[in-house]
Every structure is written in structure tokens, then in C-alpha cells.
């Protein structure tokens, strides 16, 4: 049941998409409300997912909570 309003990338793994959806994350703005460590704690979200999301957040002027714009 992916939301038609989701702007998450289509190339995220199915486990990552499921984990994000179960956490109520359907848009990049939702992702920006999380720390990268918080997302990594979700079963199904791994470092590759974070690497995929980080540049997309930056392109929209967003970042993970507690991250600077350089992603560190």
C-alpha cells in the first residue's frame, strides 16, 4: 500500500520500505524527523538505506536530526 504522495526513492529495499512505513515514514520530510541512528535501529533499515536517503534529504535542504548538512 505505498502512498501515492510518497517521495521516498523507489530503489529502497522492500524491508526498508516496510520498516519505514510501519514507523509512519512516508515522505522525506518524515525521514528528516529521525536521527540516522534511530532509523538504523528499525529492523530492515541498514547503512545502504541511510546512504540512499542522505543526498535526497540534502537536495531538499533537509538532513537527519542532529546531522549537519555535510552528513556528519
Foldseek 3Di string as FASTA:
>chain_A
DQDPPAPQDPPQDPLLVVQCVVVVHRYLVSQLAAAPVRSCPGPSDHPVSQVRSLVVQLVVVGHHPPADNVRD
